[in-house]
Structure formats: structure tokens, C-alpha cells
Amino acid sequence: STCSTIFPMENESFDLVIFDEASQLRVEDNFPALLRGKQRVVAGDLNQLPPMNYFKKTNIELERNTSSYFNSLLDFCINKNFKEHYLDIHYRSKHPDLIAFSNHAFYESRLIPLPPTTKETPIIYNESNGVFKDGVNKKEALDIVSYLNESVKDHFSIGIATFNLAQKDEILDQIQIKCIEDKSFFDKMEIFNSNGFFVKNLENIQGEERDVIIISCTYGINDEGYFRQAFGPVNSHLKGFKLLNVIITRSIHQMVVFSSIPASFIKDGFEPLNSFSNNRGKAVFYGFLAYVKAVSKNKINEKEAILKLLSRNSEVFQENKKSDLVLIKFTNKLIDKINTELKSSFRFENNFSLGGFTYEIILKNKDVKILIDLNGKLLHGDYEDYIFDINRSKIAVKSGYKYYRLWTSNLFNNFDQEVYKLINFILLN
């Protein structure tokens, strides 16, 4: 913006102009900078928040029906046919469960998370059962302060996300009170603050990331015992899912969720997803809470059922069962040859998952575990495919596996020779 103000209005006056968080940039504010680049890189995510217009009275639906209206600079560039590149590998989350919900609900399962780096539970669910009154849930705020005091390691960076501005202020107030009452907590907060501690409401958290994100769901029954299911902007079918997506994807190592929403509403609330064609509205929020509870309690079947439901609604690509049968038949032939030659008892598994990576074959016995890739991504159609395959091999080795690439074209030409190469690899390892 400063350059656009100072420098003459000339096309291509800079070699490169880069826009970050472009889903939150207005076209009218950034178009002058866009014109000044010989090359323009516009980075953003359509599943995150558009620019906020709190003080601008605009008929959004009227604007949406005109050909000249765009939500953001990112939206504008996509509509103007800028060349698109999708970032496949998700590096932020150190456990796949931290990104799995958003990946299946909003990204058509295209994101590839890295394997877990710790055995700690990645998502923790806490039932506060607090009362929502005058825009705040004091019980949740107190529970979060207690959790900070008793359970959070002080070498982690911490962020707290709330579902409205009043709850953010309440948590900050309770932290201040606890600091005055307890010197050791004051000292701990000093360490947290030095590591970038924050408390933010959901509209202001985009772009942040911390080791541990604590979420205060804020809403609950009122003082008369009635639950209204009024979740503010999260209820919106237009942008509610974007707010939810932002708030639940900020954590690096762990996400801790405090909720006062009655369990019966969570159980029944995400059932409408079974009849929906998309993951929108309060149903997907209830689905998130059900997912959090399943991960927290290590209920794998429940977790997978929720993710499968989300995938169906996001039109995720379905695997080809016929090709799976071909792979199984091929692997049986391969392992029979290996076991005969080595007089061994290797077992196998097809489509073995490691984080978000899938390897066609894993061979294993009591001593060795070998991940086998068949061919390369698109047969190394370009440099990015080559780099992707190199990264796959590094991920496998870093996770404690041996790694081997088997080219099917070579197998077709001389099956025995290629199998003996694999056998030599096994013997050396």
C-alpha cells in the first residue's frame, strides 16, 4: 500500500509482487500493487475468511449477483484465470488428527499431513458445563485458567481462541486475577507471554499458529437451563464454515477444546450431515465437537465414521476397487517369490498410510519393515513431482522404515532381475 502511494502508477515497475493471506485482501485496496508486478504471486485460501466489512453497509446478495463483485483479491485472481498451484503437503500440524477434520470437510481430502511426531493425544476434550450469560461463559474461562496453571508445559507457545469478543475479555480478566493472586502463575504467564501468548476471538485469529491452541466454545445453557443453539456467525451457511475452519487449524502440536454444549445436542446435531450435500451451518460445528470427543477418547471407529461422512459431502475422490484387486494380486506374486528365495515369512499390506502419505506395499517380518513405492508421481512429469517423491522417501526413513522404489516397467521387462534387486536390498538391511 505504501509503495502504491509513493511510486508512480506504472505497470510492471517491480519484478515480483507477493500477496499473502489474499482471501482477506480487498480488490480495491490492492489492485494498484497488482498492476505494478511483472510477476504476481497471490497466496491464500478460499476456505478461510474474506475481508471483514463491519462498518460498511452493503447488500452482499445484490453485489454477489453482479459480474463485477469479488469477495477478495484471491477470488478476483482465480476468476481472472491466474495459473493455480495447490499446496499438497500440510506442514503445520505435527499429528494428522489435527488437520483431518478440515481436510475431509473443506479440502476434499487433498491435503497430505505428515506422520505424527509424538505419542501424546493430539486433541483433548474438556466438558466445562458452564452457563452462558450476558455473552460470556465464566466457568469455561475459569477452567481454562486452571488448565494453563496445572497442565500446560511452559516451553510451549500458547494461543486461546474464543467464539466471541466478550469471552475473550472474560478470559483475559480471569488470567489477570489469577496473576494477582498467585505469584507462580504470574511467573508462568511471563514465560507464555515471551513465547507469543494470545487470546483472540474467531474473527481475528486467521494467520496465527501456536504449539497448543485452547478453544473456548463459549456457548452453553442459559441461567434458566435452556440451550438456544445460537452460535453467532458460525451458524451462517455463507461464511460460518470458514470461521470454523480458521479456528480449528491453528495448532501445531495439540488442540484443547473446552465446551459447555450439552452432549445430547452434539450427538443429534451433526446427524443432518447425513442428508446434506455440503458441510455447512451448525451441523458441521456439531460434527467437529463429535470428532474432538472421538479423538480425545481414542474411539477410532467413531472418528473414521465422522470423517467418511464429511468426505462424502465434499465429493472426495473414491478409490478404484478394481485397481486395488490388481495390486493385491501383484503383491501376492511378489511376496511369494521373495519368501521362496529367502526362505522367509514376510507379510504384506497394501496402501499403507503414514500420515497422509500412502505407500502401495509394506513388507514386514519381525526384523524388517520396508515401504515400497511403485513408480513415481506421474512418472516424474516435472521437477515438482521429483521433489515430491524425494520427500516421500525421506518421510518413510524418518519414521523408522526402509524405503524402496520399484519400477513396474522394469518388472515387465525382466521380473526376476528386479525381484533379485529387491532381495539384495532386503539382505543389506
Protein backbone atom coordinates (compact mmCIF):
# COMPACT_ATOMS: atom_id res chain seq x y z
CA SER A 1 0.00 0.00 0.00
CA THR A 2 2.88 2.34 0.83
CA CYS A 3 4.60 1.61 -2.50
CA SER A 4 1.33 2.21 -4.34
CA THR A 5 1.09 5.61 -2.65
CA ILE A 6 4.71 6.70 -3.23
CA PHE A 7 5.69 5.27 -6.63
CA PRO A 8 4.24 6.37 -9.97
CA MET A 9 1.25 4.45 -11.32
CA GLU A 10 3.23 2.42 -13.85
CA ASN A 11 2.68 -1.16 -14.98
CA GLU A 12 5.37 -3.73 -14.13
CA SER A 13 7.59 -1.39 -12.13
CA PHE A 14 8.56 -4.32 -9.82
CA ASP A 15 9.91 -7.70 -10.91
CA LEU A 16 7.82 -9.54 -8.33
CA VAL A 17 4.85 -8.64 -6.12
CA ILE A 18 3.67 -11.16 -3.49
CA PHE A 19 0.32 -11.05 -1.69
CA ASP A 20 -0.14 -13.22 1.42
CA GLU A 21 -3.47 -14.02 3.13
CA ALA A 22 -5.08 -12.87 -0.10
CA SER A 23 -8.52 -14.14 0.92
CA GLN A 24 -8.61 -11.19 3.35
CA LEU A 25 -7.42 -8.53 0.90
CA ARG A 26 -9.91 -6.25 -0.84
CA VAL A 27 -9.51 -5.88 -4.60
CA GLU A 28 -9.92 -2.10 -4.45
CA ASP A 29 -7.12 -1.76 -1.85
CA ASN A 30 -4.60 -3.97 -3.67
CA PHE A 31 -5.27 -3.64 -7.38
CA PRO A 32 -2.71 -0.80 -7.79
CA ALA A 33 0.01 -3.07 -6.34
CA LEU A 34 -1.16 -5.92 -8.58
CA LEU A 35 -0.58 -3.77 -11.67
CA ARG A 36 2.97 -2.93 -10.62
CA GLY A 37 4.29 -6.51 -10.81
CA LYS A 38 5.86 -8.20 -13.83
CA GLN A 39 5.13 -11.40 -11.95
CA ARG A 40 2.39 -11.64 -9.30
CA VAL A 41 2.13 -14.36 -6.65
CA VAL A 42 -1.19 -14.37 -4.80
CA ALA A 43 -1.29 -16.79 -1.83
CA GLY A 44 -4.47 -17.54 0.05
CA ASP A 45 -7.27 -19.95 0.84
CA LEU A 46 -10.87 -19.63 -0.33
CA ASN A 47 -11.96 -21.75 2.63
CA GLN A 48 -10.78 -19.05 5.05
CA LEU A 49 -12.17 -15.63 5.85
CA PRO A 50 -12.97 -12.95 3.27
CA PRO A 51 -12.35 -9.28 4.12
CA MET A 52 -14.49 -8.13 7.03
CA ASN A 53 -16.88 -5.22 6.43
CA TYR A 54 -18.10 -4.44 9.94
CA PHE A 55 -18.64 -0.74 9.26
CA LYS A 56 -19.69 -0.95 5.63
CA LYS A 57 -23.40 -1.26 4.87
CA THR A 58 -23.52 -3.46 1.79
CA ASN A 59 -26.18 -5.65 0.28
CA ILE A 60 -23.98 -8.71 -0.12
CA GLU A 61 -26.52 -10.72 -2.09
CA LEU A 62 -27.05 -7.83 -4.52
CA GLU A 63 -23.31 -7.48 -5.06
CA ARG A 64 -22.91 -11.25 -5.43
CA ASN A 65 -25.36 -11.19 -8.33
CA THR A 66 -23.33 -8.64 -10.28
CA SER A 67 -20.48 -9.69 -12.56
CA SER A 68 -18.09 -7.13 -11.07
CA TYR A 69 -18.28 -8.30 -7.45
CA PHE A 70 -15.45 -10.33 -5.90
CA ASN A 71 -15.10 -11.38 -2.26
CA SER A 72 -11.35 -10.80 -2.19
CA LEU A 73 -8.19 -10.35 -4.24
CA LEU A 74 -7.83 -14.15 -4.25
CA ASP A 75 -11.34 -14.57 -5.62
CA PHE A 76 -10.60 -11.94 -8.28
CA CYS A 77 -7.37 -13.62 -9.43
CA ILE A 78 -8.97 -17.07 -9.66
CA ASN A 79 -11.81 -15.62 -11.74
CA LYS A 80 -9.25 -13.89 -13.98
CA ASN A 81 -7.61 -17.27 -14.69
CA PHE A 82 -4.35 -16.79 -12.85
CA LYS A 83 -2.36 -20.04 -13.04
CA GLU A 84 -3.24 -22.07 -9.92
CA HIS A 85 -0.95 -24.23 -7.78
CA TYR A 86 -2.34 -26.28 -4.92
CA LEU A 87 -0.11 -26.85 -1.88
CA ASP A 88 -0.41 -30.59 -1.29
CA ILE A 89 1.64 -31.19 1.84
CA HIS A 90 0.40 -29.82 5.17
CA TYR A 91 3.38 -28.95 7.35
CA ARG A 92 1.81 -27.13 10.30
CA SER A 93 0.13 -29.97 12.20
CA LYS A 94 2.52 -32.40 13.86
CA HIS A 95 -0.23 -35.01 14.07
CA PRO A 96 -2.63 -35.92 11.22
CA ASP A 97 -5.66 -35.80 13.55
CA LEU A 98 -5.17 -32.04 13.97
CA ILE A 99 -5.95 -31.36 10.32
CA ALA A 100 -8.09 -34.40 9.41
CA PHE A 101 -11.46 -32.77 10.15
CA SER A 102 -10.85 -29.71 7.95
CA ASN A 103 -9.13 -31.84 5.32
CA HIS A 104 -12.17 -34.08 4.89
CA ALA A 105 -14.82 -31.38 5.41
CA PHE A 106 -13.42 -28.48 3.38
CA TYR A 107 -10.44 -29.60 1.26
CA GLU A 108 -11.78 -32.78 -0.40
CA SER A 109 -9.07 -34.80 1.41
CA ARG A 110 -6.39 -33.30 -0.84
CA LEU A 111 -4.09 -32.20 1.98
CA ILE A 112 -1.28 -34.61 2.85
CA PRO A 113 -0.46 -34.38 6.58
CA LEU A 114 2.89 -35.54 7.91
CA PRO A 115 3.15 -38.59 10.22
CA PRO A 116 2.83 -37.90 13.98
CA THR A 117 5.99 -36.79 15.77
CA THR A 118 4.70 -37.58 19.28
CA LYS A 119 2.55 -40.19 21.01
CA GLU A 120 0.69 -37.55 23.03
CA THR A 121 -3.05 -37.23 22.43
CA PRO A 122 -3.30 -34.51 19.75
CA ILE A 123 -6.81 -33.34 20.70
CA ILE A 124 -8.24 -33.10 24.21
CA TYR A 125 -11.89 -32.51 25.03
CA ASN A 126 -12.97 -30.95 28.35
CA GLU A 127 -16.58 -30.63 29.45
CA SER A 128 -16.99 -27.43 31.44
CA ASN A 129 -20.79 -27.50 31.68
CA GLY A 130 -20.79 -23.76 32.27
CA VAL A 131 -23.64 -21.27 31.91
CA PHE A 132 -23.73 -18.79 29.01
CA LYS A 133 -24.95 -15.48 30.40
CA ASP A 134 -24.54 -11.91 29.17
CA GLY A 135 -22.33 -13.09 26.32
CA VAL A 136 -19.79 -14.93 28.50
CA ASN A 137 -19.20 -18.37 29.99
CA LYS A 138 -17.35 -17.69 33.26
CA LYS A 139 -16.99 -21.39 34.16
CA GLU A 140 -15.18 -22.09 30.88
CA ALA A 141 -12.90 -19.10 31.45
CA LEU A 142 -12.00 -20.32 34.95
CA ASP A 143 -11.43 -23.87 33.68
CA ILE A 144 -9.05 -22.59 31.02
CA VAL A 145 -7.07 -20.60 33.58
CA SER A 146 -6.82 -23.72 35.77
CA TYR A 147 -5.66 -25.72 32.76
CA LEU A 148 -2.98 -23.14 31.98
CA ASN A 149 -1.81 -23.30 35.59
CA GLU A 150 -1.81 -27.06 36.05
CA SER A 151 -1.48 -28.83 32.71
CA VAL A 152 0.34 -26.76 30.06
CA LYS A 153 4.11 -27.06 29.73
CA ASP A 154 5.66 -23.62 29.89
CA HIS A 155 8.06 -24.19 26.96
CA PHE A 156 5.13 -24.38 24.54
CA SER A 157 3.73 -21.39 22.70
CA ILE A 158 0.06 -20.97 23.60
CA GLY A 159 -2.94 -19.37 21.95
CA ILE A 160 -6.53 -19.20 23.18
CA ALA A 161 -9.42 -18.89 20.72
CA THR A 162 -12.94 -17.87 21.73
CA PHE A 163 -16.22 -17.74 19.85
CA ASN A 164 -16.97 -14.12 20.69
CA LEU A 165 -15.27 -10.95 21.85
CA ALA A 166 -16.89 -10.87 25.31
CA GLN A 167 -15.47 -14.32 26.15
CA LYS A 168 -12.02 -13.19 25.07
CA ASP A 169 -12.21 -10.28 27.53
CA GLU A 170 -13.52 -12.57 30.29
CA ILE A 171 -10.57 -14.97 29.91
CA LEU A 172 -8.08 -12.09 29.96
CA ASP A 173 -9.76 -10.76 33.11
CA GLN A 174 -9.57 -14.15 34.83
CA ILE A 175 -5.89 -14.54 33.87
CA GLN A 176 -5.17 -11.12 35.36
CA ILE A 177 -7.00 -12.01 38.60
CA LYS A 178 -5.09 -15.30 38.88
CA CYS A 179 -1.77 -13.50 38.27
CA ILE A 180 -2.50 -11.13 41.17
CA GLU A 181 -3.46 -13.99 43.49
CA ASP A 182 -0.73 -16.48 42.55
CA LYS A 183 2.92 -15.48 42.05
CA SER A 184 3.90 -18.81 40.46
CA PHE A 185 1.12 -18.45 37.89
CA PHE A 186 2.28 -14.89 37.21
CA ASP A 187 5.80 -16.23 36.54
CA LYS A 188 4.41 -18.94 34.24
CA MET A 189 2.40 -16.37 32.30
CA GLU A 190 5.54 -14.30 31.86
CA ILE A 191 7.10 -17.29 30.07
CA PHE A 192 3.97 -17.82 27.99
CA ASN A 193 3.94 -14.15 27.00
CA SER A 194 7.57 -14.32 25.91
CA ASN A 195 6.58 -17.17 23.56
CA GLY A 196 3.79 -15.19 21.90
CA PHE A 197 0.78 -15.95 24.11
CA PHE A 198 -2.53 -14.55 22.82
CA VAL A 199 -6.27 -14.64 23.43
CA LYS A 200 -8.32 -13.86 20.30
CA ASN A 201 -11.88 -14.26 19.13
CA LEU A 202 -12.56 -16.29 15.99
CA GLU A 203 -12.81 -13.31 13.63
CA ASN A 204 -9.25 -12.17 14.47
CA ILE A 205 -7.22 -15.38 14.65
CA GLN A 206 -6.51 -16.04 10.96
CA GLY A 207 -2.78 -16.19 10.20
CA GLU A 208 -1.83 -17.26 13.74
CA GLU A 209 -0.32 -20.59 14.82
CA ARG A 210 0.89 -21.87 18.19
CA ASP A 211 2.14 -25.17 19.66
CA VAL A 212 -1.02 -25.51 21.73
CA ILE A 213 -4.34 -23.91 20.82
CA ILE A 214 -7.01 -23.82 23.52
CA ILE A 215 -10.55 -23.29 22.24
CA SER A 216 -13.36 -21.92 24.37
CA CYS A 217 -16.60 -22.91 22.62
CA THR A 218 -18.22 -20.27 24.86
CA TYR A 219 -21.89 -21.18 24.28
CA GLY A 220 -23.95 -23.25 26.70
CA ILE A 221 -27.25 -23.36 28.55
CA ASN A 222 -28.56 -20.07 29.96
CA ASP A 223 -29.31 -19.49 33.66
CA GLU A 224 -32.77 -20.94 33.10
CA GLY A 225 -31.33 -24.21 31.82
CA TYR A 226 -32.27 -23.62 28.17
CA PHE A 227 -29.82 -24.07 25.27
CA ARG A 228 -30.62 -21.74 22.36
CA GLN A 229 -28.13 -23.12 19.76
CA ALA A 230 -27.28 -19.54 18.78
CA PHE A 231 -23.64 -19.68 17.70
CA GLY A 232 -23.46 -16.26 16.11
CA PRO A 233 -21.73 -16.15 12.70
CA VAL A 234 -20.81 -19.86 12.90
CA ASN A 235 -24.48 -20.60 12.13
CA SER A 236 -24.16 -18.83 8.77
CA HIS A 237 -24.18 -21.10 5.71
CA LEU A 238 -22.31 -18.38 3.79
CA LYS A 239 -19.20 -17.97 5.96
CA GLY A 240 -19.74 -19.97 9.15
CA PHE A 241 -17.70 -22.92 7.92
CA LYS A 242 -14.83 -20.56 7.08
CA LEU A 243 -14.78 -19.20 10.64
CA LEU A 244 -14.81 -22.76 11.98
CA ASN A 245 -12.07 -23.84 9.58
CA VAL A 246 -9.81 -20.98 10.68
CA ILE A 247 -10.23 -21.52 14.41
CA ILE A 248 -9.63 -25.30 14.32
CA THR A 249 -6.49 -25.25 12.16
CA ARG A 250 -4.18 -23.04 14.25
CA SER A 251 -2.44 -25.70 16.40
CA ILE A 252 0.97 -27.24 15.76
CA HIS A 253 1.19 -29.94 18.47
CA GLN A 254 -2.11 -30.04 20.34
CA MET A 255 -5.63 -28.64 20.40
CA VAL A 256 -7.55 -28.46 23.70
CA VAL A 257 -11.29 -27.83 23.46
CA PHE A 258 -13.43 -26.59 26.36
CA SER A 259 -17.15 -26.94 25.75
CA SER A 260 -20.37 -26.34 27.66
CA ILE A 261 -22.61 -27.52 24.83
CA PRO A 262 -24.89 -30.32 26.10
CA ALA A 263 -23.78 -33.77 24.94
CA SER A 264 -27.25 -34.63 23.60
CA PHE A 265 -27.13 -31.66 21.21
CA ILE A 266 -23.72 -32.73 19.92
CA LYS A 267 -24.90 -36.30 19.32
CA ASP A 268 -28.04 -35.26 17.47
CA GLY A 269 -26.71 -32.03 15.97
CA PHE A 270 -24.43 -33.48 13.31
CA GLU A 271 -26.93 -36.10 12.12
CA PRO A 272 -28.30 -33.69 9.45
CA LEU A 273 -24.94 -34.07 7.67
CA ASN A 274 -26.26 -37.48 6.58
CA SER A 275 -28.82 -35.77 4.36
CA PHE A 276 -26.86 -32.65 3.40
CA SER A 277 -24.86 -32.22 0.21
CA ASN A 278 -22.25 -30.00 1.88
CA ASN A 279 -20.58 -29.38 5.24
CA ARG A 280 -22.19 -26.11 6.34
CA GLY A 281 -24.07 -24.45 9.18
CA LYS A 282 -24.24 -25.54 12.79
CA ALA A 283 -24.34 -29.23 11.78
CA VAL A 284 -20.67 -29.18 10.79
CA PHE A 285 -19.82 -27.46 14.10
CA TYR A 286 -21.56 -30.26 15.98
CA GLY A 287 -19.69 -32.70 13.76
CA PHE A 288 -16.42 -31.08 14.81
CA LEU A 289 -17.27 -31.45 18.51
CA ALA A 290 -18.21 -35.11 17.97
CA TYR A 291 -14.89 -35.62 16.17
CA VAL A 292 -12.96 -33.94 19.00
CA LYS A 293 -14.63 -36.20 21.57
CA ALA A 294 -13.85 -39.31 19.49
CA VAL A 295 -10.16 -38.43 19.11
CA SER A 296 -9.83 -37.40 22.75
CA LYS A 297 -11.24 -40.77 23.90
CA ASN A 298 -9.35 -42.72 21.21
CA LYS A 299 -12.58 -44.02 19.64
CA ILE A 300 -11.10 -44.75 16.24
CA ASN A 301 -14.24 -46.20 14.64
CA GLU A 302 -16.31 -43.14 15.62
CA LYS A 303 -13.62 -40.82 14.31
CA GLU A 304 -13.40 -42.63 10.97
CA ALA A 305 -17.19 -42.67 10.59
CA ILE A 306 -17.35 -38.89 11.00
CA LEU A 307 -14.51 -38.34 8.51
CA LYS A 308 -16.19 -40.65 6.00
CA LEU A 309 -19.42 -38.66 6.31
CA LEU A 310 -17.57 -35.38 5.77
CA SER A 311 -15.73 -36.79 2.76
CA ARG A 312 -18.97 -37.88 1.14
CA ASN A 313 -20.37 -34.36 1.47
CA SER A 314 -17.24 -32.79 0.00
CA GLU A 315 -17.32 -35.09 -3.03
CA VAL A 316 -13.97 -36.66 -2.25
CA PHE A 317 -12.48 -38.91 -4.91
CA GLN A 318 -13.39 -42.58 -4.41
CA GLU A 319 -10.64 -45.15 -4.72
CA ASN A 320 -10.74 -47.64 -7.58
CA LYS A 321 -11.54 -51.06 -6.10
CA LYS A 322 -10.63 -52.84 -9.33
CA SER A 323 -7.09 -51.44 -9.28
CA ASP A 324 -6.83 -52.49 -5.62
CA LEU A 325 -7.53 -56.09 -6.63
CA VAL A 326 -4.80 -55.89 -9.27
CA LEU A 327 -2.37 -54.55 -6.65
CA ILE A 328 -3.20 -57.36 -4.22
CA LYS A 329 -2.69 -59.99 -6.93
CA PHE A 330 0.64 -58.46 -7.93
CA THR A 331 1.84 -58.19 -4.31
CA ASN A 332 0.98 -61.85 -3.65
CA LYS A 333 3.12 -62.88 -6.59
CA LEU A 334 5.97 -60.63 -5.42
CA ILE A 335 5.97 -61.82 -1.82
CA ASP A 336 5.73 -65.49 -2.83
CA LYS A 337 8.89 -65.06 -4.89
CA ILE A 338 10.71 -63.26 -2.04
CA ASN A 339 9.72 -65.81 0.62
CA THR A 340 10.70 -68.71 -1.66
CA GLU A 341 14.13 -67.24 -2.42
CA LEU A 342 14.91 -66.14 1.15
CA LYS A 343 13.07 -68.98 2.91
CA SER A 344 11.45 -66.27 4.98
CA SER A 345 7.95 -65.35 6.14
CA PHE A 346 7.34 -61.79 5.01
CA ARG A 347 3.79 -60.49 5.28
CA PHE A 348 2.41 -57.55 3.35
CA GLU A 349 -0.18 -54.81 3.48
CA ASN A 350 -1.33 -52.70 0.56
CA ASN A 351 -1.98 -48.95 0.59
CA PHE A 352 -0.20 -48.44 3.90
CA SER A 353 -0.82 -44.97 5.37
CA LEU A 354 1.88 -42.92 7.03
CA GLY A 355 0.38 -39.59 7.97
CA GLY A 356 -1.27 -38.51 4.72
CA PHE A 357 1.13 -40.47 2.53
CA THR A 358 0.06 -43.82 1.09
CA TYR A 359 2.62 -46.43 0.04
CA GLU A 360 1.43 -49.21 -2.23
CA ILE A 361 3.16 -52.02 -0.34
CA ILE A 362 4.68 -52.62 3.08
CA LEU A 363 6.70 -55.82 3.56
CA LYS A 364 7.33 -56.81 7.14
CA ASN A 365 8.62 -59.57 9.35
CA LYS A 366 9.88 -59.49 12.92
CA ASP A 367 13.12 -57.75 11.88
CA VAL A 368 12.43 -55.58 8.84
CA LYS A 369 9.73 -53.14 7.66
CA ILE A 370 10.10 -51.98 4.06
CA LEU A 371 7.86 -49.45 2.33
CA ILE A 372 7.68 -49.94 -1.44
CA ASP A 373 6.59 -47.29 -3.92
CA LEU A 374 5.56 -48.38 -7.38
CA ASN A 375 6.89 -45.95 -9.97
CA GLY A 376 6.90 -42.22 -9.16
CA LYS A 377 4.34 -39.46 -9.03
CA LEU A 378 3.13 -39.07 -12.62
CA LEU A 379 6.38 -40.78 -13.68
CA HIS A 380 8.24 -37.57 -12.75
CA GLY A 381 6.41 -35.40 -15.21
CA ASP A 382 8.15 -32.30 -13.89
CA TYR A 383 10.58 -31.11 -11.24
CA GLU A 384 7.89 -30.73 -8.56
CA ASP A 385 6.92 -34.40 -8.97
CA TYR A 386 10.54 -35.40 -8.46
CA ILE A 387 10.82 -33.31 -5.30
CA PHE A 388 7.53 -34.78 -4.03
CA ASP A 389 8.90 -38.33 -4.42
CA ILE A 390 12.16 -37.45 -2.69
CA ASN A 391 10.13 -36.07 0.22
CA ARG A 392 8.05 -39.29 0.40
CA SER A 393 11.23 -41.36 0.79
CA LYS A 394 12.57 -39.02 3.50
CA ILE A 395 9.29 -39.24 5.42
CA ALA A 396 9.43 -43.05 5.32
CA VAL A 397 13.03 -43.25 6.55
CA LYS A 398 12.48 -40.60 9.22
CA SER A 399 9.54 -42.63 10.54
CA GLY A 400 11.71 -45.72 11.02
CA TYR A 401 11.04 -47.66 7.78
CA LYS A 402 13.30 -48.83 4.98
CA TYR A 403 12.29 -47.43 1.60
CA TYR A 404 12.44 -48.95 -1.87
CA ARG A 405 11.17 -47.81 -5.27
CA LEU A 406 10.05 -50.49 -7.69
CA TRP A 407 9.55 -49.53 -11.34
CA THR A 408 6.81 -51.59 -12.98
CA SER A 409 8.27 -51.03 -16.46
CA ASN A 410 11.46 -52.82 -15.34
CA LEU A 411 9.41 -55.60 -13.75
CA PHE A 412 7.55 -56.09 -17.03
CA ASN A 413 10.79 -56.39 -18.97
CA ASN A 414 12.63 -58.65 -16.52
CA PHE A 415 10.63 -59.66 -13.45
CA ASP A 416 13.24 -61.97 -11.89
CA GLN A 417 16.06 -59.44 -12.19
CA GLU A 418 14.07 -56.68 -10.49
CA VAL A 419 12.95 -59.02 -7.70
CA TYR A 420 16.56 -60.06 -7.06
CA LYS A 421 17.49 -56.37 -6.73
CA LEU A 422 14.79 -56.05 -4.06
CA ILE A 423 16.03 -59.22 -2.34
CA ASN A 424 19.56 -57.81 -2.21
CA PHE A 425 18.16 -54.65 -0.66
CA ILE A 426 16.39 -56.76 1.98
CA LEU A 427 19.56 -58.71 2.77
CA LEU A 428 21.56 -55.50 3.18
CA ASN A 429 19.01 -54.15 5.65
